N, C-alpha and C. Protein backbone atom coordinates (compact mmCIF):
# COMPACT_ATOMS: atom_id res chain seq x y z
N MET A 1 47.54 84.25 32.54
CA MET A 1 48.29 85.48 32.62
C MET A 1 49.34 85.49 31.52
N PHE A 2 49.44 86.62 30.89
CA PHE A 2 50.42 86.76 29.82
C PHE A 2 51.48 87.76 30.23
N PHE A 3 52.69 87.46 29.87
CA PHE A 3 53.81 88.34 30.19
C PHE A 3 54.32 88.94 28.89
N SER A 4 54.73 90.16 28.97
CA SER A 4 55.25 90.82 27.78
C SER A 4 56.67 90.31 27.51
N LYS A 5 57.13 90.59 26.30
CA LYS A 5 58.49 90.19 25.93
C LYS A 5 59.51 90.86 26.84
N LYS A 6 59.21 92.07 27.26
CA LYS A 6 60.11 92.80 28.14
C LYS A 6 60.23 92.09 29.49
N ASP A 7 59.08 91.62 30.02
CA ASP A 7 59.09 90.90 31.29
C ASP A 7 59.83 89.57 31.16
N LYS A 8 59.62 88.87 30.05
CA LYS A 8 60.30 87.60 29.83
C LYS A 8 61.81 87.81 29.71
N LYS A 9 62.21 88.88 29.03
CA LYS A 9 63.63 89.17 28.87
C LYS A 9 64.26 89.50 30.23
N LYS A 10 63.55 90.29 31.03
CA LYS A 10 64.06 90.64 32.36
C LYS A 10 64.16 89.40 33.24
N ALA A 11 63.18 88.50 33.15
CA ALA A 11 63.21 87.27 33.93
C ALA A 11 64.39 86.40 33.50
N ALA A 12 64.65 86.33 32.21
CA ALA A 12 65.78 85.55 31.70
C ALA A 12 67.10 86.14 32.19
N GLU A 13 67.19 87.48 32.20
CA GLU A 13 68.40 88.13 32.68
C GLU A 13 68.60 87.85 34.18
N LEU A 14 67.52 87.91 34.95
CA LEU A 14 67.60 87.63 36.38
C LEU A 14 68.03 86.18 36.63
N GLN A 15 67.48 85.26 35.82
CA GLN A 15 67.84 83.85 35.96
C GLN A 15 69.32 83.65 35.64
N LYS A 16 69.79 84.28 34.58
CA LYS A 16 71.19 84.15 34.19
C LYS A 16 72.08 84.74 35.29
N SER A 17 71.69 85.88 35.83
CA SER A 17 72.46 86.52 36.89
C SER A 17 72.51 85.63 38.14
N ALA A 18 71.38 85.02 38.47
CA ALA A 18 71.33 84.13 39.63
C ALA A 18 72.22 82.91 39.42
N GLN A 19 72.21 82.36 38.22
CA GLN A 19 73.04 81.21 37.92
C GLN A 19 74.53 81.57 38.00
N GLU A 20 74.88 82.75 37.51
CA GLU A 20 76.27 83.19 37.58
C GLU A 20 76.69 83.37 39.04
N GLU A 21 75.80 83.91 39.85
CA GLU A 21 76.09 84.11 41.27
C GLU A 21 76.27 82.76 41.97
N ILE A 22 75.44 81.80 41.63
CA ILE A 22 75.56 80.46 42.22
C ILE A 22 76.89 79.83 41.84
N VAL A 23 77.29 79.95 40.58
CA VAL A 23 78.57 79.41 40.13
C VAL A 23 79.72 80.09 40.88
N SER A 24 79.63 81.41 41.04
CA SER A 24 80.66 82.16 41.76
C SER A 24 80.74 81.71 43.22
N LEU A 25 79.60 81.56 43.87
CA LEU A 25 79.57 81.11 45.26
C LEU A 25 80.13 79.70 45.39
N LYS A 26 79.80 78.83 44.44
CA LYS A 26 80.30 77.46 44.46
C LYS A 26 81.83 77.46 44.38
N LYS A 27 82.38 78.29 43.51
CA LYS A 27 83.84 78.38 43.38
C LYS A 27 84.46 78.92 44.67
N GLN A 28 83.83 79.91 45.29
CA GLN A 28 84.36 80.46 46.54
C GLN A 28 84.36 79.40 47.65
N VAL A 29 83.30 78.61 47.72
CA VAL A 29 83.22 77.55 48.73
C VAL A 29 84.30 76.50 48.47
N GLU A 30 84.48 76.11 47.23
CA GLU A 30 85.52 75.13 46.90
C GLU A 30 86.90 75.66 47.25
N ASP A 31 87.15 76.93 46.93
CA ASP A 31 88.45 77.53 47.27
C ASP A 31 88.66 77.57 48.77
N LEU A 32 87.61 77.92 49.51
CA LEU A 32 87.71 77.96 50.97
C LEU A 32 88.01 76.58 51.53
N LEU A 33 87.32 75.56 51.02
CA LEU A 33 87.58 74.19 51.47
C LEU A 33 89.02 73.78 51.17
N ASN A 34 89.47 74.06 49.97
CA ASN A 34 90.82 73.65 49.56
C ASN A 34 91.91 74.42 50.30
N ASP A 35 91.67 75.70 50.56
CA ASP A 35 92.70 76.55 51.17
C ASP A 35 92.73 76.48 52.69
N ARG A 36 91.59 76.30 53.32
CA ARG A 36 91.56 76.42 54.77
C ARG A 36 91.06 75.16 55.49
N VAL A 37 89.93 74.64 55.07
CA VAL A 37 89.30 73.56 55.83
C VAL A 37 90.10 72.26 55.70
N THR A 38 90.43 71.86 54.49
CA THR A 38 91.15 70.60 54.29
C THR A 38 92.49 70.59 55.01
N PRO A 39 93.32 71.64 54.88
CA PRO A 39 94.58 71.63 55.64
C PRO A 39 94.37 71.58 57.15
N ALA A 40 93.34 72.24 57.65
CA ALA A 40 93.06 72.22 59.09
C ALA A 40 92.69 70.81 59.54
N ILE A 41 91.90 70.12 58.73
CA ILE A 41 91.51 68.75 59.07
C ILE A 41 92.73 67.82 59.05
N VAL A 42 93.58 67.99 58.06
CA VAL A 42 94.79 67.17 57.97
C VAL A 42 95.69 67.43 59.18
N GLN A 43 95.83 68.69 59.56
CA GLN A 43 96.66 69.04 60.71
C GLN A 43 96.08 68.45 62.00
N ALA A 44 94.76 68.53 62.16
CA ALA A 44 94.13 67.95 63.35
C ALA A 44 94.30 66.44 63.38
N ALA A 45 94.20 65.79 62.24
CA ALA A 45 94.38 64.34 62.18
C ALA A 45 95.82 63.97 62.53
N ASP A 46 96.79 64.76 62.06
CA ASP A 46 98.19 64.50 62.41
C ASP A 46 98.42 64.63 63.91
N LYS A 47 97.85 65.67 64.51
CA LYS A 47 98.00 65.86 65.96
C LYS A 47 97.36 64.70 66.72
N ALA A 48 96.18 64.28 66.30
CA ALA A 48 95.51 63.16 66.96
C ALA A 48 96.34 61.89 66.84
N ASP A 49 96.93 61.68 65.69
CA ASP A 49 97.78 60.50 65.48
C ASP A 49 98.99 60.53 66.41
N LYS A 50 99.60 61.72 66.57
CA LYS A 50 100.75 61.84 67.47
C LYS A 50 100.34 61.58 68.92
N VAL A 51 99.18 62.08 69.31
CA VAL A 51 98.69 61.87 70.68
C VAL A 51 98.47 60.38 70.93
N VAL A 52 97.86 59.70 69.98
CA VAL A 52 97.62 58.26 70.12
C VAL A 52 98.95 57.51 70.22
N HIS A 53 99.90 57.88 69.38
CA HIS A 53 101.21 57.22 69.40
C HIS A 53 101.91 57.46 70.74
N ASN A 54 101.90 58.70 71.22
CA ASN A 54 102.53 59.01 72.51
C ASN A 54 101.85 58.28 73.66
N THR A 55 100.54 58.22 73.63
CA THR A 55 99.79 57.52 74.67
C THR A 55 100.14 56.04 74.67
N LYS A 56 100.27 55.45 73.51
CA LYS A 56 100.64 54.04 73.42
C LYS A 56 102.04 53.81 73.99
N GLU A 57 102.96 54.71 73.65
CA GLU A 57 104.32 54.57 74.18
C GLU A 57 104.35 54.68 75.71
N ILE A 58 103.61 55.63 76.25
CA ILE A 58 103.56 55.81 77.70
C ILE A 58 102.94 54.59 78.37
N THR A 59 101.86 54.09 77.80
CA THR A 59 101.20 52.91 78.36
C THR A 59 102.12 51.70 78.32
N ASP A 60 102.80 51.51 77.21
CA ASP A 60 103.74 50.39 77.10
C ASP A 60 104.86 50.51 78.14
N HIS A 61 105.37 51.71 78.31
CA HIS A 61 106.44 51.94 79.28
C HIS A 61 105.96 51.65 80.71
N GLN A 62 104.76 52.12 81.04
CA GLN A 62 104.22 51.88 82.38
C GLN A 62 103.94 50.40 82.61
N MET A 63 103.44 49.71 81.61
CA MET A 63 103.19 48.27 81.73
C MET A 63 104.50 47.52 81.96
N LYS A 64 105.55 47.94 81.28
CA LYS A 64 106.87 47.32 81.46
C LYS A 64 107.37 47.54 82.88
N GLN A 65 107.18 48.76 83.41
CA GLN A 65 107.62 49.05 84.78
C GLN A 65 106.87 48.19 85.79
N VAL A 66 105.56 48.09 85.62
CA VAL A 66 104.76 47.27 86.54
C VAL A 66 105.18 45.81 86.45
N SER A 67 105.38 45.34 85.24
CA SER A 67 105.81 43.95 85.04
C SER A 67 107.16 43.69 85.71
N ASP A 68 108.08 44.61 85.55
CA ASP A 68 109.40 44.46 86.18
C ASP A 68 109.28 44.43 87.71
N LYS A 69 108.45 45.29 88.26
CA LYS A 69 108.29 45.33 89.72
C LYS A 69 107.65 44.05 90.23
N VAL A 70 106.65 43.54 89.51
CA VAL A 70 106.00 42.30 89.92
C VAL A 70 107.00 41.15 89.87
N GLN A 71 107.81 41.12 88.82
CA GLN A 71 108.80 40.04 88.71
C GLN A 71 109.88 40.15 89.78
N SER A 72 110.23 41.36 90.18
CA SER A 72 111.28 41.50 91.19
C SER A 72 110.77 41.22 92.60
N LYS A 73 109.47 41.45 92.85
CA LYS A 73 108.90 41.22 94.19
C LYS A 73 107.52 40.57 94.05
N PRO A 74 107.50 39.29 93.70
CA PRO A 74 106.21 38.64 93.44
C PRO A 74 105.33 38.50 94.68
N LEU A 75 105.89 38.28 95.85
CA LEU A 75 105.06 38.12 97.05
C LEU A 75 104.33 39.41 97.40
N ILE A 76 105.01 40.53 97.28
CA ILE A 76 104.36 41.82 97.55
C ILE A 76 103.24 42.05 96.54
N ALA A 77 103.47 41.71 95.29
CA ALA A 77 102.45 41.88 94.26
C ALA A 77 101.23 41.03 94.55
N ILE A 78 101.43 39.80 95.01
CA ILE A 78 100.30 38.92 95.33
C ILE A 78 99.51 39.47 96.51
N VAL A 79 100.21 39.89 97.57
CA VAL A 79 99.52 40.44 98.75
C VAL A 79 98.77 41.71 98.37
N LEU A 80 99.39 42.57 97.58
CA LEU A 80 98.74 43.80 97.15
C LEU A 80 97.50 43.50 96.32
N SER A 81 97.57 42.52 95.45
CA SER A 81 96.42 42.13 94.63
C SER A 81 95.28 41.62 95.51
N ILE A 82 95.60 40.83 96.53
CA ILE A 82 94.58 40.31 97.44
C ILE A 82 93.91 41.45 98.19
N VAL A 83 94.70 42.40 98.69
CA VAL A 83 94.14 43.55 99.43
C VAL A 83 93.25 44.39 98.53
N ILE A 84 93.71 44.68 97.33
CA ILE A 84 92.91 45.49 96.40
C ILE A 84 91.62 44.75 96.04
N GLY A 85 91.70 43.45 95.80
CA GLY A 85 90.50 42.66 95.49
C GLY A 85 89.52 42.68 96.64
N TYR A 86 90.02 42.52 97.85
CA TYR A 86 89.16 42.54 99.03
C TYR A 86 88.46 43.90 99.17
N LEU A 87 89.23 44.98 99.04
CA LEU A 87 88.66 46.33 99.16
C LEU A 87 87.62 46.60 98.08
N LEU A 88 87.91 46.22 96.87
CA LEU A 88 86.94 46.40 95.77
C LEU A 88 85.67 45.59 96.04
N GLY A 89 85.84 44.38 96.54
CA GLY A 89 84.69 43.55 96.87
C GLY A 89 83.82 44.19 97.94
N ARG A 90 84.43 44.81 98.91
CA ARG A 90 83.68 45.47 99.99
C ARG A 90 82.97 46.73 99.47
N VAL A 91 83.62 47.47 98.60
CA VAL A 91 83.04 48.69 98.07
C VAL A 91 81.86 48.38 97.14
N ILE A 92 81.97 47.34 96.37
CA ILE A 92 80.92 46.99 95.40
C ILE A 92 79.64 46.53 96.09
N ARG A 93 79.78 45.88 97.22
CA ARG A 93 78.59 45.40 97.93
C ARG A 93 77.76 46.51 98.35
């Protein structure tokens, strides 16, 4: 099959137009990523970091409270541990 010079020129113009459109779309995607997606990801990561930090602080505080209570009343802690162990043993069976 042979194509005329006119057809070849039109095909070249279409190819150039398609390439320009692809370059334009690529720039729009990059701008969107830089302007919206990346800051949103950074903000979400900061929030997650704060949640982890707060959770660690709460856990540490609760562990300290439990430790203080066990140290202040060791016999009650031992009896409570035995009862909980017994109940868990019965439930697991």
